[in-house]
Every structure is written in C-alpha cells, then in structure tokens.
Amino acid sequence: MLDTASSGRATPAGEDRWTIRLVVFLAIITLLRLIALSFSETDLFFDEAQYWSWAQDPAFGYFSKPPLVAWIIWGTTSICGDGEACVRASAPFFHAGAAVFLFLAGRALFDARTGFWTAVIFATLPGISFSANIISTDVPLLFCWSAALFFLVKLQEERYWQWAILLGIAIGLGALAKYAMLYFYLCAAVWLVVSRAGRWLLQDWKGLALVAIPLALLAPNLIWNIENGLVTFAHTADNAKLGGSLVHPGKMLEFLIAQLGVFGPFVFPMLLVIGIRTIRRGGPEGDRFLLAFSLPVLVLVTVIAFLSRAHANWAAATYPAATILVTATMLRLKRDTIFAATIGINMICLAVLAVAPVFADRLTLPGGGDPFARTMGWRETAAIVRDAVEDGQYGAILTDDRALTAELLYYLRDTNTPILRWPAGGPPRDHYQLTRPFNGDVEDPVLLVTLRNPPVAMLRRFSTAERLSVTKIDAGPKTRRTVILTSTSGFKGG
C-alpha cells in the first residue's frame, strides 16, 4: 500500500459530488475547445500535415514517430472529414481523458477533493491548453501516461491481474504514441530503489507481464523499423544532437524557463521545491511515489538540454504525476494564495489559447512578431501551386523541404499530380525522402516548388530550369513567405 498521509476520505456521497463537478467542468472546457477549433483561422502546422499524410497510408511505423498519432487521425477524419478541425479533434478528448485518470489516481492516493483539483489544474495547464489546439504525439502520450499511473496505483493497492494487464496495455499504447512512454520504466526503477512498496513486482508474474504486454504491442513497430533500417530509432537518437560540444548551459536555462510556461509560473517552482525537500528530508510514501514518476524525466531531459538542446515538450511526461503531487501539497499545507493564483493563471491561459487561433490572421505579439506565422499562408501557397499545375500540365510537383512537402500533400489532397521530395545525398533524412523520393521517373515538365532560391547544384541536375514566378504570401499580419516556382525538365540523374 502507498501511505499518502491523506487527511481523510470523503463519504461516497461526497465523492460523487466531486465526480459530477469534474464531469461538468471537463464537458464545458472540451466543448469550448472543440468550438474554438471549428472557428480557428490557422492552417495545419507542418508536423500536423505530416501526420495527416501518414494517416492516408496506415502502417506500423513511420520515419520519425511511432504510428499511433496517424491511426488516431485516420479515425477522426474517417468520421468527420479532412478539415483542419477534424484532424485536430481528438486532442481535447484525450486531454479530458487524461484529466479523468489523474482524478482517479489522486482520489485513490489522497481523496476525491484532491483528485478533482488535480484534474482541473492539469486540464488547464498552459501547456495542455496550447496542446489542445493541435494534434501531436504528446496528446496520446499524456493520456496513456496518466492511465498507466492510475493503473499502477490500483495494482499496488489490490495486486489484481486486471490492473497489471491494463497497465501493460497503457504502456504499450503510450510507446506506440511516442517512445518517451518508455521513461515510465526509468521512473519505476527509481521508485523501486527509493521504496520497498513496489518490489513485490520483481518476484511476481505480474511484473513480467508489465514488460511482455508492452513488448507485444510494440512488436509490429519494431519489425517495421527492422525492415526499414531502424529509421525511427536513428531519427530519435539524432534528434538529441549529441555529436558536437557537450556544454550548453544556455540551452539548459532556456529549457527550464520554458517549463514555467508549460507547467505554470507557480506550479513548476513548487515541484522543484517539493523535490529538493523530499530528497533531503524524506516524506510520505505517496509523495515519493509521485516524485519517482515525475522528477527523473525532468532531470534526464534537463541533462540532455545541457549536453545539447531540448524542446520544452520533451519533459511532458513529468507533469501527470507532478500535478497530483503539487496539488496535494498545496491543499495539505493550505497554500490558498498560490492555489488561487494557479487556478487563475490557468483559466486565463485556457481562455486566451482557445480564442487566439480564431483571430490568428490579425494577432501580433507586443514585440511585433506573428505568433501563428508557421501555421498561416499554407492554403494560399497551395493555391499558387495548384494554378501553376493546371496551367502547365506538370508530371509532378517537386519540393526540397519536408515541411513544404507535408503542407502541399494536405492542401493539394484533391489533386492527382504526384508530390515528390528531392532525395538526400545518402540515407533518407525524413519520411518523404524514404517513401516518395524524386528519381526522374515522371513525365516532363516537373514543377519545382521552393521557399528559397533552389540550390544551383539541384538545378544543374536538369537540362532546363526556367523560373516561373516569385510570390510573397501573407503568413500573418507582418510575416511574408516567399514561394518560388521553377519549371524543370530533362532530369540527368546521378
């Protein structure tokens, strides 16, 4: 059993009240997010467009990520079509589901009140409110991690096979969303070192099942990788960029500052204080359990940031358990001011981040930048290419950029003209160089589309290369994107 030092359990009627309140709250914010998605003025970000293109060819693996996000998009677009809102529609539901599992975990570890406020804080974290506007691999990852956390709590309490099986499934599906789910084993190892509570799993068949079930679910993806030169694993390792200088304190500081935006300006510092205090002085078993399933991920990614660099979302798996821990601590110690400030900031972020994409075409940052520049202007870019293809009867569209390829595949999804990617001078560097490389085996002419002047070495590979147009596209109130069209023919190969 996990000793959580709870101040007392609510009555069944009291627990029901907290449950009903949570259902109403999550229903309201999920509906708000879905409505906001339907009115959003943003185009798909290129990663989203790439995931959509993967969904057109369901497989057990893709170049840079495991397949679950593509399967999810295939499911939602099969129901409501290929519009941007439908591509993203699952995100609010997955985040609401993650909040439900954290409510159940918080209730099991502490009480229904703690579970409720944990779910509210998690569902409105700045990072979650941002993530609810897009579809990314973090969306199903956080859902699966939250589910796994609850199943582990129940397994520890009751030691029933059903919880072991569900936990194994959650880990396996999470790994199919993003390999970062495997941090769960790192966290489990830390927990077993610092606490005797879970060591019975090392001598029980259920512990073996927690490895066998995820491995069985991940096996098709592992086979796909073996058949494709382990490209996903190679890309994941290369993404850390550990080949150069290994001292980057500035990158580490940048990563840690970003966590203030992801987890909140009060909640993140509280997590660090709780972690340091618990490590130095000890604490309740439940606190140590939750720290074990949050802090190791944060520490690991911080080290990676110091050695190379790390994106803010790489530590996303930190926050399900951390939210329970920080919420329980604030309630236990009656930190009412910090608690109220946290809820207030989260609600403001929820409202702003839900509504801002609706006005994406007219918003600018105080410094003058366009916050949505990377998700604006792609429809217009595709329209220019569409007109050129219709006028010139091109045999193919050729690009030299992964992001542009993904965007054209999505926004020209009704065209029959093949969209191809300029090959790498060696092993493929992205999914499109792997699956749709240009090899000259198409009819001339070929329309080359670039966002910058095409390299001279590329143009020399054709007998003729005639520039057709250079067009400036609005990608926000102040941002312009340059689209260059070149008609090519007579590919020389090589």
Protein backbone atom coordinates (compact mmCIF):
# COMPACT_ATOMS: atom_id res chain seq x y z
CA MET A 1 0.00 0.00 0.00
CA LEU A 2 1.06 3.59 -0.61
CA ASP A 3 0.97 5.72 2.53
CA THR A 4 -0.23 9.07 1.26
CA ALA A 5 -0.74 10.82 4.57
CA SER A 6 -4.27 11.70 3.47
CA SER A 7 -6.27 13.88 5.81
CA GLY A 8 -9.31 11.67 5.46
CA ARG A 9 -11.54 10.19 2.82
CA ALA A 10 -14.80 11.73 1.67
CA THR A 11 -18.05 9.84 2.05
CA PRO A 12 -19.42 8.09 -1.07
CA ALA A 13 -21.91 10.94 -1.50
CA GLY A 14 -19.10 13.47 -1.18
CA GLU A 15 -17.02 11.61 -3.76
CA ASP A 16 -20.00 11.56 -6.12
CA ARG A 17 -20.32 15.33 -5.84
CA TRP A 18 -16.67 15.84 -6.78
CA THR A 19 -17.08 13.40 -9.68
CA ILE A 20 -20.16 15.19 -11.03
CA ARG A 21 -18.42 18.56 -10.76
CA LEU A 22 -15.47 17.22 -12.72
CA VAL A 23 -17.62 15.73 -15.47
CA VAL A 24 -19.43 19.06 -15.89
CA PHE A 25 -16.18 21.04 -15.87
CA LEU A 26 -14.44 18.80 -18.41
CA ALA A 27 -17.51 18.73 -20.64
CA ILE A 28 -17.59 22.54 -20.71
CA ILE A 29 -13.91 23.09 -21.49
CA THR A 30 -13.87 20.25 -24.05
CA LEU A 31 -16.87 21.78 -25.82
CA LEU A 32 -15.19 25.20 -25.70
CA ARG A 33 -12.04 23.78 -27.25
CA LEU A 34 -13.97 21.97 -29.99
CA ILE A 35 -15.90 25.14 -30.85
CA ALA A 36 -12.63 27.10 -30.93
CA LEU A 37 -11.10 24.51 -33.26
CA SER A 38 -14.04 24.83 -35.63
CA PHE A 39 -13.52 28.62 -35.86
CA SER A 40 -9.71 28.58 -35.90
CA GLU A 41 -8.07 30.54 -38.70
CA THR A 42 -4.81 28.59 -38.53
CA ASP A 43 -3.65 26.17 -41.16
CA LEU A 44 -2.14 22.86 -40.12
CA PHE A 45 1.36 23.10 -38.70
CA PHE A 46 3.69 21.07 -40.89
CA ASP A 47 4.01 18.27 -38.31
CA GLU A 48 0.21 18.02 -38.23
CA ALA A 49 0.08 17.93 -42.03
CA GLN A 50 2.75 15.23 -42.00
CA TYR A 51 0.77 13.12 -39.52
CA TRP A 52 -2.31 13.54 -41.72
CA SER A 53 -0.34 12.30 -44.74
CA TRP A 54 0.78 9.29 -42.72
CA ALA A 55 -2.86 8.57 -41.89
CA GLN A 56 -3.58 8.17 -45.61
CA ASP A 57 -1.34 5.11 -45.53
CA PRO A 58 -1.87 3.38 -42.15
CA ALA A 59 1.23 1.43 -41.23
CA PHE A 60 3.02 0.07 -38.16
CA GLY A 61 5.69 2.73 -38.34
CA TYR A 62 6.85 5.98 -39.89
CA PHE A 63 10.20 7.69 -40.28
CA SER A 64 10.23 9.93 -37.22
CA LYS A 65 7.49 8.65 -34.89
CA PRO A 66 5.61 5.50 -33.93
CA PRO A 67 2.22 5.09 -35.64
CA LEU A 68 -0.48 5.84 -33.05
CA VAL A 69 -0.96 9.52 -33.91
CA ALA A 70 -1.55 8.60 -37.57
CA TRP A 71 -4.07 5.93 -36.58
CA ILE A 72 -5.91 8.47 -34.42
CA ILE A 73 -6.10 10.97 -37.29
CA TRP A 74 -7.28 8.22 -39.61
CA GLY A 75 -10.07 7.53 -37.14
CA THR A 76 -11.25 11.12 -36.70
CA THR A 77 -11.03 12.03 -40.38
CA SER A 78 -12.94 8.87 -41.29
CA ILE A 79 -15.78 10.20 -39.15
CA CYS A 80 -15.90 13.90 -39.95
CA GLY A 81 -13.67 14.56 -42.95
CA ASP A 82 -10.25 16.02 -43.62
CA GLY A 83 -10.74 19.59 -42.43
CA GLU A 84 -8.24 21.08 -40.00
CA ALA A 85 -10.68 20.94 -37.08
CA CYS A 86 -11.33 17.25 -37.65
CA VAL A 87 -7.62 16.43 -37.94
CA ARG A 88 -7.17 18.03 -34.51
CA ALA A 89 -10.49 16.98 -32.97
CA SER A 90 -9.16 14.16 -30.80
CA ALA A 91 -6.82 16.41 -28.79
CA PRO A 92 -9.44 17.94 -26.45
CA PHE A 93 -10.93 14.50 -25.78
CA PHE A 94 -7.57 12.90 -24.97
CA HIS A 95 -6.67 15.71 -22.57
CA ALA A 96 -10.05 15.39 -20.86
CA GLY A 97 -9.46 11.64 -20.59
CA ALA A 98 -6.03 12.20 -19.08
CA ALA A 99 -7.60 14.53 -16.50
CA VAL A 100 -10.13 11.82 -15.61
CA PHE A 101 -7.38 9.28 -14.96
CA LEU A 102 -5.50 11.80 -12.83
CA PHE A 103 -8.69 12.45 -10.87
CA LEU A 104 -8.98 8.71 -10.24
CA ALA A 105 -5.30 8.46 -9.27
CA GLY A 106 -5.49 11.50 -6.99
CA ARG A 107 -8.63 10.14 -5.37
CA ALA A 108 -7.02 6.76 -4.81
CA LEU A 109 -3.84 8.27 -3.36
CA PHE A 110 -5.45 11.06 -1.34
CA ASP A 111 -9.16 11.88 -1.60
CA ALA A 112 -11.80 12.99 -4.11
CA ARG A 113 -11.19 16.69 -3.44
CA THR A 114 -7.51 16.32 -4.29
CA GLY A 115 -8.40 14.28 -7.37
CA PHE A 116 -10.84 16.94 -8.56
CA TRP A 117 -8.43 19.85 -8.23
CA THR A 118 -5.64 17.77 -9.76
CA ALA A 119 -7.80 17.16 -12.82
CA VAL A 120 -8.83 20.82 -13.04
CA ILE A 121 -5.26 22.09 -12.79
CA PHE A 122 -3.94 19.53 -15.27
CA ALA A 123 -6.71 20.15 -17.82
CA THR A 124 -5.98 23.89 -17.71
CA LEU A 125 -2.18 23.86 -17.55
CA PRO A 126 -0.77 26.36 -20.08
CA GLY A 127 0.95 23.53 -21.94
CA ILE A 128 -2.26 21.49 -22.10
CA SER A 129 -4.31 24.47 -23.27
CA PHE A 130 -1.77 25.03 -26.05
CA SER A 131 -1.66 21.33 -26.92
CA ALA A 132 -5.46 21.14 -27.14
CA ASN A 133 -5.28 23.36 -30.26
CA ILE A 134 -3.13 20.90 -32.22
CA ILE A 135 -2.68 17.19 -32.78
CA SER A 136 0.72 15.90 -31.73
CA THR A 137 2.29 12.76 -30.33
CA ASP A 138 2.23 14.31 -26.85
CA VAL A 139 -1.58 14.18 -26.83
CA PRO A 140 -1.96 10.37 -26.70
CA LEU A 141 1.31 10.08 -24.73
CA LEU A 142 -0.08 12.12 -21.81
CA PHE A 143 -3.35 10.20 -21.91
CA CYS A 144 -1.55 6.85 -21.76
CA TRP A 145 0.89 8.02 -19.07
CA SER A 146 -1.99 9.25 -16.89
CA ALA A 147 -3.85 5.99 -17.40
CA ALA A 148 -0.73 3.98 -16.57
CA LEU A 149 -0.20 5.98 -13.40
CA PHE A 150 -3.73 5.20 -12.19
CA PHE A 151 -3.46 1.52 -13.11
CA LEU A 152 -0.16 1.28 -11.22
CA VAL A 153 -1.73 2.84 -8.13
CA LYS A 154 -4.57 0.31 -8.28
CA LEU A 155 -2.19 -2.55 -8.92
CA GLN A 156 -0.18 -1.55 -5.89
CA GLU A 157 -3.33 -1.34 -3.76
CA GLU A 158 -5.08 -4.53 -4.86
CA ARG A 159 -2.49 -6.64 -6.73
CA TYR A 160 -5.18 -7.89 -9.14
CA TRP A 161 -4.28 -9.18 -12.60
CA GLN A 162 -6.75 -6.82 -14.28
CA TRP A 163 -4.68 -3.81 -13.22
CA ALA A 164 -1.44 -5.39 -14.42
CA ILE A 165 -2.97 -6.12 -17.83
CA LEU A 166 -4.41 -2.61 -18.15
CA LEU A 167 -1.10 -1.09 -17.05
CA GLY A 168 0.78 -3.13 -19.65
CA ILE A 169 -1.65 -2.06 -22.36
CA ALA A 170 -1.34 1.61 -21.35
CA ILE A 171 2.46 1.46 -21.51
CA GLY A 172 2.39 -0.35 -24.85
CA LEU A 173 -0.07 2.08 -26.45
CA GLY A 174 1.86 5.00 -25.00
CA ALA A 175 5.05 3.71 -26.62
CA LEU A 176 3.16 3.49 -29.93
CA ALA A 177 2.37 7.17 -29.45
CA LYS A 178 5.88 8.28 -28.52
CA TYR A 179 8.92 6.37 -27.32
CA ALA A 180 9.11 8.76 -24.36
CA MET A 181 6.49 6.49 -22.76
CA LEU A 182 9.39 4.14 -22.02
CA TYR A 183 10.56 6.69 -19.44
CA PHE A 184 7.89 5.00 -17.32
CA TYR A 185 10.34 2.15 -16.77
CA LEU A 186 13.05 4.60 -15.71
CA CYS A 187 10.63 6.10 -13.21
CA ALA A 188 9.62 2.65 -11.99
CA ALA A 189 13.26 1.75 -11.46
CA VAL A 190 13.80 4.90 -9.37
CA TRP A 191 10.67 4.08 -7.35
CA LEU A 192 11.89 0.55 -6.65
CA VAL A 193 15.24 1.91 -5.49
CA VAL A 194 13.83 4.52 -3.09
CA SER A 195 10.88 2.48 -1.82
CA ARG A 196 10.21 -1.11 -0.86
CA ALA A 197 6.50 -0.75 -1.62
CA GLY A 198 6.62 -1.99 -5.19
CA ARG A 199 9.43 -4.51 -5.02
CA TRP A 200 6.98 -7.40 -4.80
CA LEU A 201 6.56 -6.95 -8.58
CA LEU A 202 10.12 -8.19 -9.08
CA GLN A 203 9.07 -11.61 -7.72
CA ASP A 204 5.60 -11.81 -9.26
CA TRP A 205 4.39 -12.87 -12.70
CA LYS A 206 2.56 -9.57 -12.93
CA GLY A 207 5.90 -7.79 -13.05
CA LEU A 208 6.89 -9.89 -16.07
CA ALA A 209 3.56 -9.07 -17.71
CA LEU A 210 4.38 -5.36 -17.41
CA VAL A 211 7.27 -5.97 -19.80
CA ALA A 212 5.73 -8.66 -22.01
CA ILE A 213 2.46 -6.89 -22.84
CA PRO A 214 4.06 -3.58 -23.96
CA LEU A 215 6.67 -5.52 -25.93
CA ALA A 216 3.94 -7.48 -27.72
CA LEU A 217 2.08 -4.28 -28.60
CA LEU A 218 5.28 -2.60 -29.78
CA ALA A 219 6.50 -5.64 -31.75
CA PRO A 220 4.89 -4.68 -35.12
CA ASN A 221 6.57 -1.28 -34.91
CA LEU A 222 9.90 -2.91 -34.06
CA ILE A 223 9.54 -5.22 -37.06
CA TRP A 224 8.67 -2.26 -39.30
CA ASN A 225 11.81 -0.49 -38.09
CA ILE A 226 13.98 -3.52 -38.75
CA GLU A 227 12.58 -3.73 -42.27
CA ASN A 228 13.28 -0.01 -42.81
CA GLY A 229 16.78 0.26 -41.43
CA LEU A 230 15.73 1.28 -37.89
CA VAL A 231 15.00 4.76 -39.21
CA THR A 232 12.72 5.84 -36.34
CA PHE A 233 15.26 4.89 -33.69
CA ALA A 234 18.05 6.56 -35.65
CA HIS A 235 15.98 9.73 -36.05
CA THR A 236 15.09 9.76 -32.35
CA ALA A 237 18.73 9.42 -31.36
CA ASP A 238 19.83 12.02 -33.90
CA ASN A 239 17.19 14.45 -32.64
CA ALA A 240 19.13 14.88 -29.40
CA LYS A 241 22.14 16.15 -31.43
CA LEU A 242 24.79 14.89 -29.01
CA GLY A 243 27.55 14.84 -31.60
CA GLY A 244 29.05 18.28 -31.01
CA SER A 245 30.04 20.28 -27.97
CA LEU A 246 28.53 18.86 -24.78
CA VAL A 247 28.38 22.03 -22.69
CA HIS A 248 25.33 24.24 -23.28
CA PRO A 249 24.27 25.93 -20.01
CA GLY A 250 22.31 28.49 -22.01
CA LYS A 251 20.23 25.78 -23.66
CA MET A 252 19.57 24.20 -20.26
CA LEU A 253 18.44 27.54 -18.82
CA GLU A 254 16.25 28.14 -21.85
CA PHE A 255 14.63 24.73 -21.36
CA LEU A 256 13.98 25.31 -17.65
CA ILE A 257 12.50 28.75 -18.28
CA ALA A 258 10.22 27.19 -20.89
CA GLN A 259 8.87 24.85 -18.20
CA LEU A 260 7.47 27.91 -16.41
CA GLY A 261 5.28 28.39 -19.46
CA VAL A 262 4.39 24.72 -19.85
CA PHE A 263 3.63 23.87 -16.21
CA GLY A 264 2.94 27.34 -14.83
CA PRO A 265 4.94 30.04 -13.03
CA PHE A 266 3.87 28.82 -9.57
CA VAL A 267 3.45 25.08 -10.07
CA PHE A 268 6.86 24.42 -11.65
CA PRO A 269 8.88 26.11 -8.88
CA MET A 270 6.75 24.29 -6.30
CA LEU A 271 7.62 20.97 -7.94
CA LEU A 272 11.33 21.77 -7.66
CA VAL A 273 10.99 22.84 -4.01
CA ILE A 274 8.99 19.71 -3.12
CA GLY A 275 11.52 17.54 -4.92
CA ILE A 276 14.54 19.05 -3.17
CA ARG A 277 12.84 18.97 0.24
CA THR A 278 11.70 15.36 -0.16
CA ILE A 279 15.13 14.22 -1.31
CA ARG A 280 16.80 15.94 1.66
CA ARG A 281 14.28 15.21 4.41
CA GLY A 282 12.14 12.37 3.14
CA GLY A 283 8.37 12.45 3.01
CA PRO A 284 5.20 10.37 2.81
CA GLU A 285 5.34 7.26 0.66
CA GLY A 286 2.79 8.73 -1.76
CA ASP A 287 4.88 11.85 -2.30
CA ARG A 288 7.97 9.78 -3.03
CA PHE A 289 5.97 7.64 -5.44
CA LEU A 290 4.75 10.68 -7.37
CA LEU A 291 8.22 12.24 -7.40
CA ALA A 292 9.64 8.99 -8.76
CA PHE A 293 7.21 9.17 -11.68
CA SER A 294 7.90 12.80 -12.50
CA LEU A 295 11.30 14.11 -11.43
CA PRO A 296 13.51 11.54 -13.27
CA VAL A 297 12.04 12.61 -16.61
CA LEU A 298 12.65 16.28 -15.86
CA VAL A 299 16.21 15.62 -14.69
CA LEU A 300 17.02 13.47 -17.72
CA VAL A 301 15.73 16.00 -20.24
CA THR A 302 17.46 18.84 -18.39
CA VAL A 303 20.75 16.94 -18.73
CA ILE A 304 20.05 16.45 -22.45
CA ALA A 305 19.41 20.19 -22.73
CA PHE A 306 22.75 20.90 -21.05
CA LEU A 307 24.59 18.45 -23.32
CA SER A 308 22.87 19.58 -26.50
CA ARG A 309 19.36 21.05 -26.54
CA ALA A 310 15.81 20.04 -25.61
CA HIS A 311 12.41 21.26 -26.70
CA ALA A 312 10.02 22.31 -23.94
CA ASN A 313 7.64 19.42 -24.60
CA TRP A 314 10.31 16.73 -24.23
CA ALA A 315 9.62 16.65 -20.49
CA ALA A 316 5.84 16.38 -20.93
CA ALA A 317 5.71 13.02 -19.13
CA THR A 318 6.85 14.82 -15.96
CA TYR A 319 3.56 16.56 -15.41
CA PRO A 320 0.79 13.99 -14.81
CA ALA A 321 2.31 12.73 -11.55
CA ALA A 322 3.75 16.17 -10.75
CA THR A 323 0.30 17.75 -10.96
CA ILE A 324 -1.08 15.31 -8.40
CA LEU A 325 1.87 15.93 -6.10
CA VAL A 326 1.83 19.73 -6.29
CA THR A 327 -1.96 19.90 -5.96
CA ALA A 328 -1.97 17.60 -2.94
CA THR A 329 0.82 19.62 -1.32
CA MET A 330 -0.94 22.94 -1.84
CA LEU A 331 -4.15 21.56 -0.33
CA ARG A 332 -2.37 19.80 2.53
CA LEU A 333 -0.36 22.88 3.52
CA LYS A 334 -3.26 25.25 2.82
CA ARG A 335 -1.30 27.35 0.34
CA ASP A 336 -4.50 29.16 -0.59
CA THR A 337 -2.91 32.19 -2.25
CA ILE A 338 -0.66 30.15 -4.54
CA PHE A 339 -3.52 27.75 -5.23
CA ALA A 340 -5.88 30.59 -6.23
CA ALA A 341 -3.16 32.21 -8.36
CA THR A 342 -2.51 28.89 -10.12
CA ILE A 343 -6.17 28.38 -10.93
CA GLY A 344 -6.50 32.00 -12.07
CA ILE A 345 -3.49 31.90 -14.39
CA ASN A 346 -4.55 28.55 -15.81
CA MET A 347 -8.05 29.80 -16.57
CA ILE A 348 -6.69 32.91 -18.27
CA CYS A 349 -4.38 30.75 -20.39
CA LEU A 350 -7.28 28.43 -21.20
CA ALA A 351 -9.40 31.31 -22.48
CA VAL A 352 -6.60 33.08 -24.35
CA LEU A 353 -5.20 29.97 -26.01
CA ALA A 354 -8.65 28.73 -27.01
CA VAL A 355 -9.71 32.03 -28.56
CA ALA A 356 -6.40 33.31 -30.02
CA PRO A 357 -6.38 30.96 -33.08
CA VAL A 358 -9.78 32.35 -34.07
CA PHE A 359 -8.06 35.72 -34.61
CA ALA A 360 -4.75 34.30 -35.85
CA ASP A 361 -4.82 36.34 -39.05
CA ARG A 362 -4.76 39.64 -37.15
CA LEU A 363 -2.83 38.96 -33.91
CA THR A 364 0.69 40.17 -33.29
CA LEU A 365 2.93 39.92 -30.24
CA PRO A 366 3.86 43.04 -28.25
CA GLY A 367 7.29 42.97 -29.87
CA GLY A 368 5.74 42.89 -33.32
CA GLY A 369 6.07 39.19 -34.18
CA ASP A 370 3.33 36.98 -35.58
CA PRO A 371 2.65 34.12 -33.11
CA PHE A 372 0.93 31.97 -35.74
CA ALA A 373 3.29 32.59 -38.65
CA ARG A 374 4.20 28.92 -39.02
CA THR A 375 0.53 27.96 -39.36
CA MET A 376 -0.61 30.68 -41.74
CA GLY A 377 -0.48 31.07 -45.51
CA TRP A 378 -0.23 27.42 -46.48
CA ARG A 379 -3.62 27.36 -48.21
CA GLU A 380 -2.55 30.32 -50.33
CA THR A 381 0.78 28.64 -51.06
CA ALA A 382 -1.05 25.55 -52.27
CA ALA A 383 -3.42 27.65 -54.37
CA ILE A 384 -0.47 29.18 -56.26
CA VAL A 385 0.94 25.72 -56.93
CA ARG A 386 -2.48 24.41 -57.99
CA ASP A 387 -2.91 27.17 -60.56
CA ALA A 388 0.56 26.54 -61.99
CA VAL A 389 -0.07 22.79 -62.27
CA GLU A 390 -3.37 23.32 -64.03
CA ASP A 391 -1.81 25.80 -66.47
CA GLY A 392 1.31 23.78 -67.23
CA GLN A 393 0.14 20.16 -67.05
CA TYR A 394 3.13 19.11 -64.99
CA GLY A 395 4.01 15.47 -64.47
CA ALA A 396 4.94 16.00 -60.81
CA ILE A 397 5.43 18.59 -58.12
CA LEU A 398 8.91 18.54 -56.58
CA THR A 399 9.95 20.14 -53.29
CA ASP A 400 13.22 20.42 -51.42
CA ASP A 401 11.73 20.72 -47.93
CA ARG A 402 9.89 18.29 -45.62
CA ALA A 403 7.54 20.93 -44.20
CA LEU A 404 6.56 22.18 -47.65
CA THR A 405 6.00 18.61 -48.86
CA ALA A 406 3.67 17.90 -45.95
CA GLU A 407 1.70 21.10 -46.42
CA LEU A 408 1.26 20.54 -50.16
CA LEU A 409 0.18 16.95 -49.62
CA TYR A 410 -2.56 18.18 -47.30
CA TYR A 411 -3.71 21.32 -49.12
CA LEU A 412 -3.45 19.71 -52.58
CA ARG A 413 -5.08 16.49 -51.41
CA ASP A 414 -7.64 16.69 -54.21
CA THR A 415 -5.03 16.78 -56.98
CA ASN A 416 -3.80 13.73 -58.89
CA THR A 417 -0.37 15.20 -59.61
CA PRO A 418 2.24 13.32 -57.55
CA ILE A 419 4.11 15.37 -54.94
CA LEU A 420 7.71 14.22 -54.59
CA ARG A 421 10.65 15.08 -52.33
CA TRP A 422 14.18 15.87 -53.52
CA PRO A 423 16.31 12.93 -52.32
CA ALA A 424 19.07 13.17 -49.76
CA GLY A 425 22.66 12.63 -50.80
CA GLY A 426 22.78 9.46 -48.72
CA PRO A 427 20.32 7.82 -46.31
CA PRO A 428 16.83 9.39 -46.18
CA ARG A 429 16.54 12.25 -43.70
CA ASP A 430 12.76 12.38 -43.45
CA HIS A 431 9.65 10.33 -44.21
CA TYR A 432 9.15 11.71 -47.70
CA GLN A 433 12.71 11.03 -48.79
CA LEU A 434 12.02 7.47 -47.64
CA THR A 435 8.60 6.99 -49.24
CA ARG A 436 8.32 9.42 -52.17
CA PRO A 437 11.81 10.39 -53.38
CA PHE A 438 12.16 12.03 -56.78
CA ASN A 439 14.08 9.81 -59.20
CA GLY A 440 13.11 11.35 -62.53
CA ASP A 441 10.65 8.57 -63.38
CA VAL A 442 7.82 11.00 -64.22
CA GLU A 443 6.78 12.88 -67.31
CA ASP A 444 8.30 16.29 -68.03
CA PRO A 445 7.96 19.05 -67.13
CA VAL A 446 8.30 18.93 -63.32
CA LEU A 447 7.24 21.88 -61.20
CA LEU A 448 9.88 22.66 -58.58
CA VAL A 449 8.40 24.49 -55.57
CA THR A 450 10.76 26.06 -53.04
CA LEU A 451 10.62 28.62 -50.24
CA ARG A 452 14.06 29.99 -51.08
CA ASN A 453 16.28 30.11 -54.14
CA PRO A 454 16.82 26.50 -55.21
CA PRO A 455 20.44 25.36 -54.89
CA VAL A 456 22.48 25.67 -58.09
CA ALA A 457 23.60 22.05 -57.68
CA MET A 458 19.95 20.97 -57.83
CA LEU A 459 19.16 22.99 -60.94
CA ARG A 460 22.22 21.60 -62.70
CA ARG A 461 20.68 18.13 -62.45
CA PHE A 462 18.11 19.19 -65.08
CA SER A 463 18.62 20.01 -68.75
CA THR A 464 16.38 23.05 -68.43
CA ALA A 465 15.23 25.05 -65.42
CA GLU A 466 13.07 28.13 -66.02
CA ARG A 467 11.89 30.30 -63.16
CA LEU A 468 8.17 30.96 -63.44
CA SER A 469 7.36 33.20 -60.52
CA VAL A 470 8.37 34.54 -57.12
CA THR A 471 5.35 35.26 -54.93
CA LYS A 472 5.06 36.76 -51.46
CA ILE A 473 2.41 35.10 -49.28
CA ASP A 474 0.98 36.61 -46.09
CA ALA A 475 1.75 34.35 -43.11
CA GLY A 476 0.35 36.73 -40.53
CA PRO A 477 -0.12 40.49 -40.27
CA LYS A 478 3.62 41.18 -40.60
CA THR A 479 5.18 37.96 -41.88
CA ARG A 480 5.66 37.10 -45.54
CA ARG A 481 6.55 33.76 -47.05
CA THR A 482 8.35 33.60 -50.41
CA VAL A 483 7.18 30.90 -52.83
CA ILE A 484 9.37 30.26 -55.88
CA LEU A 485 8.12 28.18 -58.81
CA THR A 486 10.56 26.74 -61.35
CA SER A 487 9.71 24.62 -64.38
CA THR A 488 12.27 21.85 -64.91
CA SER A 489 12.75 19.06 -67.43
CA GLY A 490 15.37 16.56 -68.52
CA PHE A 491 16.47 15.15 -65.19
CA LYS A 492 20.05 13.89 -65.59
CA GLY A 493 20.03 11.53 -62.65
CA GLY A 494 23.10 10.98 -60.53
